[in-house]
Amino acid sequence: MLKAIIFDFDGVLFDDYEEHYQAYKKRYKDMTRKLHSKAYEGNILEAKENLLKIKNKSFVVKNFLQGILMKKGIRKEALRFLKKNKKDYSYFIVTAASEDFINYYLLRKKLTNLFKMIMGKESGKYKVDKMKKFLKENKLKKNEVVFVTDTLGDIKEAKKVGIKTIAIDFGFHKRKILEKGNPYKIVSSFKELEEVILEL
């Protein structure tokens, strides 16, 4: 029986692909959409160390994006989904983004009651480790949880832990790339996500 839903942050709860790409383009040498996409086929924090070459050290991606996100807000359809199904499931966020910023954002927008736990880059580099910790601390079994994400890298990490994934094809990665990870389902809207969730 499904008890909890884990959400990735960028691309899933926030419609911020274009802003994210433009920020990385300002920060990293020779950034292209293809390279940006490739960085998310694995662990993005690892990619920053090994794949992406810094060009403009004075440009801080985090500061640029956080300013945009404070104005933009969570996807409306995501917020509707979260509020509608809150009584049936516990919500968590596991992300490579800053948990300090997410907590600040939720506090400012009066949405702190939506999520039970947020684990960002401050909690570790790898989502594998964060998911294991999440399961242990919340006394949840793998089959009681599903992870909603938009990148191939996340699907790979969730599989290492044994957590089922539902991929959305309107975030950072399109369906063709997501299919490489063989997620449980790929959906094209939060309405479709809700239908899949009800099947579990």
C-alpha atoms as a PDB file:
ATOM      1  CA  MET A   1       0.000   0.000   0.000  1.00  0.00           C
ATOM      2  CA  LEU A   2       1.351   3.391  -0.988  1.00  0.00           C
ATOM      3  CA  LYS A   3       1.944   5.649   2.006  1.00  0.00           C
ATOM      4  CA  ALA A   4       4.369   8.308   0.788  1.00  0.00           C
ATOM      5  CA  ILE A   5       5.296  10.247  -2.342  1.00  0.00           C
ATOM      6  CA  ILE A   6       8.780  11.684  -2.786  1.00  0.00           C
ATOM      7  CA  PHE A   7       9.121  14.608  -5.172  1.00  0.00           C
ATOM      8  CA  ASP A   8      12.144  15.982  -6.923  1.00  0.00           C
ATOM      9  CA  PHE A   9      12.153  19.796  -6.856  1.00  0.00           C
ATOM     10  CA  ASP A  10      13.473  21.502  -9.998  1.00  0.00           C
ATOM     11  CA  GLY A  11      11.533  20.553 -13.106  1.00  0.00           C
ATOM     12  CA  VAL A  12       8.853  18.677 -11.162  1.00  0.00           C
ATOM     13  CA  LEU A  13       7.339  21.014  -8.589  1.00  0.00           C
ATOM     14  CA  PHE A  14       8.823  24.042 -10.356  1.00  0.00           C
ATOM     15  CA  ASP A  15       8.586  24.723 -14.083  1.00  0.00           C
ATOM     16  CA  ASP A  16      12.115  26.101 -14.275  1.00  0.00           C
ATOM     17  CA  TYR A  17      13.982  24.218 -17.005  1.00  0.00           C
ATOM     18  CA  GLU A  18      14.598  27.256 -19.209  1.00  0.00           C
ATOM     19  CA  GLU A  19      15.729  29.467 -16.318  1.00  0.00           C
ATOM     20  CA  HIS A  20      17.953  26.665 -15.060  1.00  0.00           C
ATOM     21  CA  TYR A  21      19.567  26.177 -18.459  1.00  0.00           C
ATOM     22  CA  GLN A  22      20.170  29.906 -18.931  1.00  0.00           C
ATOM     23  CA  ALA A  23      21.783  30.109 -15.478  1.00  0.00           C
ATOM     24  CA  TYR A  24      24.098  27.190 -16.243  1.00  0.00           C
ATOM     25  CA  LYS A  25      24.943  28.799 -19.575  1.00  0.00           C
ATOM     26  CA  LYS A  26      26.169  31.883 -17.708  1.00  0.00           C
ATOM     27  CA  ARG A  27      28.174  29.789 -15.253  1.00  0.00           C
ATOM     28  CA  TYR A  28      29.789  26.991 -17.274  1.00  0.00           C
ATOM     29  CA  LYS A  29      32.101  27.022 -20.279  1.00  0.00           C
ATOM     30  CA  ASP A  30      30.718  25.708 -23.582  1.00  0.00           C
ATOM     31  CA  MET A  31      27.297  24.978 -22.051  1.00  0.00           C
ATOM     32  CA  THR A  32      24.763  23.620 -24.543  1.00  0.00           C
ATOM     33  CA  ARG A  33      21.332  22.077 -24.070  1.00  0.00           C
ATOM     34  CA  LYS A  34      22.840  18.694 -24.896  1.00  0.00           C
ATOM     35  CA  LEU A  35      25.515  19.051 -22.203  1.00  0.00           C
ATOM     36  CA  HIS A  36      22.962  20.350 -19.682  1.00  0.00           C
ATOM     37  CA  SER A  37      20.799  17.315 -20.385  1.00  0.00           C
ATOM     38  CA  LYS A  38      23.755  14.939 -20.133  1.00  0.00           C
ATOM     39  CA  ALA A  39      24.648  16.356 -16.701  1.00  0.00           C
ATOM     40  CA  TYR A  40      21.266  15.125 -15.435  1.00  0.00           C
ATOM     41  CA  GLU A  41      21.655  11.623 -16.847  1.00  0.00           C
ATOM     42  CA  GLY A  42      23.698  10.901 -13.730  1.00  0.00           C
ATOM     43  CA  ASN A  43      24.113  12.671 -10.392  1.00  0.00           C
ATOM     44  CA  ILE A  44      24.119  16.434 -11.035  1.00  0.00           C
ATOM     45  CA  LEU A  45      26.354  17.296  -8.051  1.00  0.00           C
ATOM     46  CA  GLU A  46      28.898  14.789  -9.331  1.00  0.00           C
ATOM     47  CA  ALA A  47      28.570  16.208 -12.850  1.00  0.00           C
ATOM     48  CA  LYS A  48      29.431  19.668 -11.538  1.00  0.00           C
ATOM     49  CA  GLU A  49      32.738  18.264 -10.347  1.00  0.00           C
ATOM     50  CA  ASN A  50      33.628  16.080 -13.319  1.00  0.00           C
ATOM     51  CA  LEU A  51      31.672  17.133 -16.406  1.00  0.00           C
ATOM     52  CA  LEU A  52      31.045  20.867 -16.307  1.00  0.00           C
ATOM     53  CA  LYS A  53      33.908  23.318 -16.687  1.00  0.00           C
ATOM     54  CA  ILE A  54      33.575  26.586 -14.794  1.00  0.00           C
ATOM     55  CA  LYS A  55      34.027  29.760 -16.818  1.00  0.00           C
ATOM     56  CA  ASN A  56      32.413  32.545 -14.808  1.00  0.00           C
ATOM     57  CA  LYS A  57      33.180  32.026 -11.118  1.00  0.00           C
ATOM     58  CA  SER A  58      31.527  35.304 -10.194  1.00  0.00           C
ATOM     59  CA  PHE A  59      28.123  34.127 -11.409  1.00  0.00           C
ATOM     60  CA  VAL A  60      26.290  32.201  -8.668  1.00  0.00           C
ATOM     61  CA  VAL A  61      23.625  29.923 -10.145  1.00  0.00           C
ATOM     62  CA  LYS A  62      21.894  29.436  -6.795  1.00  0.00           C
ATOM     63  CA  ASN A  63      21.339  33.147  -6.179  1.00  0.00           C
ATOM     64  CA  PHE A  64      20.059  33.712  -9.715  1.00  0.00           C
ATOM     65  CA  LEU A  65      17.600  30.813  -9.618  1.00  0.00           C
ATOM     66  CA  GLN A  66      16.323  31.446  -6.110  1.00  0.00           C
ATOM     67  CA  GLY A  67      15.369  34.994  -7.046  1.00  0.00           C
ATOM     68  CA  ILE A  68      13.337  33.656  -9.971  1.00  0.00           C
ATOM     69  CA  LEU A  69      11.710  30.856  -8.001  1.00  0.00           C
ATOM     70  CA  MET A  70      10.515  33.175  -5.242  1.00  0.00           C
ATOM     71  CA  LYS A  71       8.550  35.085  -7.896  1.00  0.00           C
ATOM     72  CA  LYS A  72       7.484  32.143 -10.025  1.00  0.00           C
ATOM     73  CA  GLY A  73       6.184  29.688  -7.450  1.00  0.00           C
ATOM     74  CA  ILE A  74       5.227  26.020  -7.549  1.00  0.00           C
ATOM     75  CA  ARG A  75       3.415  24.748 -10.644  1.00  0.00           C
ATOM     76  CA  LYS A  76      -0.315  25.427 -10.159  1.00  0.00           C
ATOM     77  CA  GLU A  77      -1.238  21.896 -11.201  1.00  0.00           C
ATOM     78  CA  ALA A  78       1.334  20.495  -8.765  1.00  0.00           C
ATOM     79  CA  LEU A  79      -0.086  22.560  -5.923  1.00  0.00           C
ATOM     80  CA  ARG A  80      -3.606  21.367  -6.731  1.00  0.00           C
ATOM     81  CA  PHE A  81      -2.392  17.765  -6.693  1.00  0.00           C
ATOM     82  CA  LEU A  82      -0.579  18.221  -3.368  1.00  0.00           C
ATOM     83  CA  LYS A  83      -3.524  19.822  -1.608  1.00  0.00           C
ATOM     84  CA  LYS A  84      -6.103  17.417  -3.023  1.00  0.00           C
ATOM     85  CA  ASN A  85      -4.263  14.229  -2.009  1.00  0.00           C
ATOM     86  CA  LYS A  86      -2.600  15.399   1.213  1.00  0.00           C
ATOM     87  CA  LYS A  87      -4.960  13.412   3.449  1.00  0.00           C
ATOM     88  CA  ASP A  88      -4.018  10.151   1.719  1.00  0.00           C
ATOM     89  CA  TYR A  89      -0.211  10.392   1.503  1.00  0.00           C
ATOM     90  CA  SER A  90       2.787  11.897   3.236  1.00  0.00           C
ATOM     91  CA  TYR A  91       4.896  14.134   0.988  1.00  0.00           C
ATOM     92  CA  PHE A  92       8.674  14.424   0.955  1.00  0.00           C
ATOM     93  CA  ILE A  93      11.237  16.226  -1.203  1.00  0.00           C
ATOM     94  CA  VAL A  94      14.575  14.649  -2.160  1.00  0.00           C
ATOM     95  CA  THR A  95      16.604  16.966  -4.346  1.00  0.00           C
ATOM     96  CA  ALA A  96      20.029  18.290  -5.278  1.00  0.00           C
ATOM     97  CA  ALA A  97      18.713  21.816  -4.662  1.00  0.00           C
ATOM     98  CA  SER A  98      19.233  23.696  -1.392  1.00  0.00           C
ATOM     99  CA  GLU A  99      16.940  22.500   1.388  1.00  0.00           C
ATOM    100  CA  ASP A 100      17.562  25.794   3.220  1.00  0.00           C
ATOM    101  CA  PHE A 101      16.062  27.694   0.290  1.00  0.00           C
ATOM    102  CA  ILE A 102      13.135  25.272  -0.089  1.00  0.00           C
ATOM    103  CA  ASN A 103      12.309  25.584   3.612  1.00  0.00           C
ATOM    104  CA  TYR A 104      12.526  29.380   3.313  1.00  0.00           C
ATOM    105  CA  TYR A 105      10.311  29.367   0.218  1.00  0.00           C
ATOM    106  CA  LEU A 106       7.672  27.159   1.839  1.00  0.00           C
ATOM    107  CA  LEU A 107       7.686  29.329   4.953  1.00  0.00           C
ATOM    108  CA  ARG A 108       7.223  32.530   2.933  1.00  0.00           C
ATOM    109  CA  LYS A 109       4.421  30.974   0.878  1.00  0.00           C
ATOM    110  CA  LYS A 110       2.754  29.416   3.951  1.00  0.00           C
ATOM    111  CA  LEU A 111       3.147  25.881   2.585  1.00  0.00           C
ATOM    112  CA  THR A 112       5.249  24.331   5.338  1.00  0.00           C
ATOM    113  CA  ASN A 113       2.432  21.944   6.275  1.00  0.00           C
ATOM    114  CA  LEU A 114       2.612  20.168   2.904  1.00  0.00           C
ATOM    115  CA  PHE A 115       5.905  18.298   3.290  1.00  0.00           C
ATOM    116  CA  LYS A 116       7.007  16.029   6.109  1.00  0.00           C
ATOM    117  CA  MET A 117      10.731  16.118   5.271  1.00  0.00           C
ATOM    118  CA  ILE A 118      13.020  17.904   2.826  1.00  0.00           C
ATOM    119  CA  MET A 119      16.429  16.492   1.946  1.00  0.00           C
ATOM    120  CA  GLY A 120      18.584  18.649  -0.310  1.00  0.00           C
ATOM    121  CA  LYS A 121      22.241  19.045  -1.111  1.00  0.00           C
ATOM    122  CA  GLU A 122      22.992  19.819   2.545  1.00  0.00           C
ATOM    123  CA  SER A 123      21.984  16.230   3.358  1.00  0.00           C
ATOM    124  CA  GLY A 124      24.487  14.713   0.931  1.00  0.00           C
ATOM    125  CA  LYS A 125      25.592  14.425  -2.675  1.00  0.00           C
ATOM    126  CA  TYR A 126      23.842  11.200  -3.642  1.00  0.00           C
ATOM    127  CA  LYS A 127      20.091  10.610  -3.660  1.00  0.00           C
ATOM    128  CA  VAL A 128      20.798   6.925  -3.032  1.00  0.00           C
ATOM    129  CA  ASP A 129      22.083   7.820   0.436  1.00  0.00           C
ATOM    130  CA  LYS A 130      19.324  10.339   1.066  1.00  0.00           C
ATOM    131  CA  MET A 131      16.617   7.854   0.113  1.00  0.00           C
ATOM    132  CA  LYS A 132      18.043   5.163   2.386  1.00  0.00           C
ATOM    133  CA  LYS A 133      18.127   7.647   5.234  1.00  0.00           C
ATOM    134  CA  PHE A 134      14.606   8.799   4.398  1.00  0.00           C
ATOM    135  CA  LEU A 135      13.235   5.249   4.544  1.00  0.00           C
ATOM    136  CA  LYS A 136      14.971   4.501   7.830  1.00  0.00           C
ATOM    137  CA  GLU A 137      14.014   7.714   9.613  1.00  0.00           C
ATOM    138  CA  ASN A 138      10.370   7.499   8.525  1.00  0.00           C
ATOM    139  CA  LYS A 139      10.069   3.728   9.090  1.00  0.00           C
ATOM    140  CA  LEU A 140       8.849   3.158   5.551  1.00  0.00           C
ATOM    141  CA  LYS A 141       9.293   0.122   3.299  1.00  0.00           C
ATOM    142  CA  LYS A 142      10.393   0.471  -0.322  1.00  0.00           C
ATOM    143  CA  ASN A 143       7.036  -0.729  -1.632  1.00  0.00           C
ATOM    144  CA  GLU A 144       5.230   1.953   0.385  1.00  0.00           C
ATOM    145  CA  VAL A 145       6.957   4.776  -1.480  1.00  0.00           C
ATOM    146  CA  VAL A 146       7.090   6.188  -4.998  1.00  0.00           C
ATOM    147  CA  PHE A 147       9.494   8.811  -6.352  1.00  0.00           C
ATOM    148  CA  VAL A 148       8.258  11.427  -8.855  1.00  0.00           C
ATOM    149  CA  THR A 149      11.099  12.860 -10.926  1.00  0.00           C
ATOM    150  CA  ASP A 150      11.990  14.314 -14.313  1.00  0.00           C
ATOM    151  CA  THR A 151      15.533  13.051 -14.943  1.00  0.00           C
ATOM    152  CA  LEU A 152      17.224   9.826 -15.944  1.00  0.00           C
ATOM    153  CA  GLY A 153      19.834  10.286 -13.227  1.00  0.00           C
ATOM    154  CA  ASP A 154      17.165  10.259 -10.525  1.00  0.00           C
ATOM    155  CA  ILE A 155      15.570   7.118 -11.948  1.00  0.00           C
ATOM    156  CA  LYS A 156      18.950   5.378 -11.813  1.00  0.00           C
ATOM    157  CA  GLU A 157      19.556   6.380  -8.190  1.00  0.00           C
ATOM    158  CA  ALA A 158      16.065   5.338  -7.060  1.00  0.00           C
ATOM    159  CA  LYS A 159      16.533   1.936  -8.728  1.00  0.00           C
ATOM    160  CA  LYS A 160      19.684   1.337  -6.690  1.00  0.00           C
ATOM    161  CA  VAL A 161      17.568   1.720  -3.555  1.00  0.00           C
ATOM    162  CA  GLY A 162      14.647  -0.294  -4.947  1.00  0.00           C
ATOM    163  CA  ILE A 163      12.169   2.583  -4.992  1.00  0.00           C
ATOM    164  CA  LYS A 164       9.605   2.741  -7.799  1.00  0.00           C
ATOM    165  CA  THR A 165       9.711   5.864  -9.983  1.00  0.00           C
ATOM    166  CA  ILE A 166       7.125   7.800 -11.946  1.00  0.00           C
ATOM    167  CA  ALA A 167       8.745  10.130 -14.457  1.00  0.00           C
ATOM    168  CA  ILE A 168       7.180  13.306 -15.818  1.00  0.00           C
ATOM    169  CA  ASP A 169       8.075  14.160 -19.415  1.00  0.00           C
ATOM    170  CA  PHE A 170       7.539  17.929 -19.107  1.00  0.00           C
ATOM    171  CA  GLY A 171      10.555  18.694 -16.907  1.00  0.00           C
ATOM    172  CA  PHE A 172      14.306  18.561 -17.639  1.00  0.00           C
ATOM    173  CA  HIS A 173      14.290  15.312 -19.660  1.00  0.00           C
ATOM    174  CA  LYS A 174      11.921  14.297 -22.417  1.00  0.00           C
ATOM    175  CA  ARG A 175      10.300  10.877 -22.747  1.00  0.00           C
ATOM    176  CA  LYS A 176      12.980   9.412 -25.033  1.00  0.00           C
ATOM    177  CA  ILE A 177      15.700   9.935 -22.411  1.00  0.00           C
ATOM    178  CA  LEU A 178      13.487   8.906 -19.473  1.00  0.00           C
ATOM    179  CA  GLU A 179      12.659   5.610 -21.196  1.00  0.00           C
ATOM    180  CA  LYS A 180      16.321   4.594 -20.904  1.00  0.00           C
ATOM    181  CA  GLY A 181      15.829   4.231 -17.152  1.00  0.00           C
ATOM    182  CA  ASN A 182      12.695   2.077 -17.505  1.00  0.00           C
ATOM    183  CA  PRO A 183      10.635   3.856 -14.821  1.00  0.00           C
ATOM    184  CA  TYR A 184       7.360   2.344 -13.615  1.00  0.00           C
ATOM    185  CA  LYS A 185       5.412   4.941 -15.633  1.00  0.00           C
ATOM    186  CA  ILE A 186       6.011   8.104 -17.627  1.00  0.00           C
ATOM    187  CA  VAL A 187       3.259  10.723 -17.397  1.00  0.00           C
ATOM    188  CA  SER A 188       2.545  13.969 -19.229  1.00  0.00           C
ATOM    189  CA  SER A 189       0.465  15.835 -16.624  1.00  0.00           C
ATOM    190  CA  PHE A 190      -0.308  15.914 -12.922  1.00  0.00           C
ATOM    191  CA  LYS A 191      -3.793  14.633 -13.750  1.00  0.00           C
ATOM    192  CA  GLU A 192      -2.194  11.567 -15.312  1.00  0.00           C
ATOM    193  CA  LEU A 193       0.146  11.290 -12.318  1.00  0.00           C
ATOM    194  CA  GLU A 194      -2.857  11.197 -10.002  1.00  0.00           C
ATOM    195  CA  GLU A 195      -4.406   8.366 -12.037  1.00  0.00           C
ATOM    196  CA  VAL A 196      -1.197   6.320 -11.808  1.00  0.00           C
ATOM    197  CA  ILE A 197      -0.888   6.996  -8.070  1.00  0.00           C
ATOM    198  CA  LEU A 198      -4.421   5.653  -7.535  1.00  0.00           C
ATOM    199  CA  GLU A 199      -3.389   2.397  -9.252  1.00  0.00           C
ATOM    200  CA  LEU A 200      -0.593   1.726  -6.758  1.00  0.00           C
END
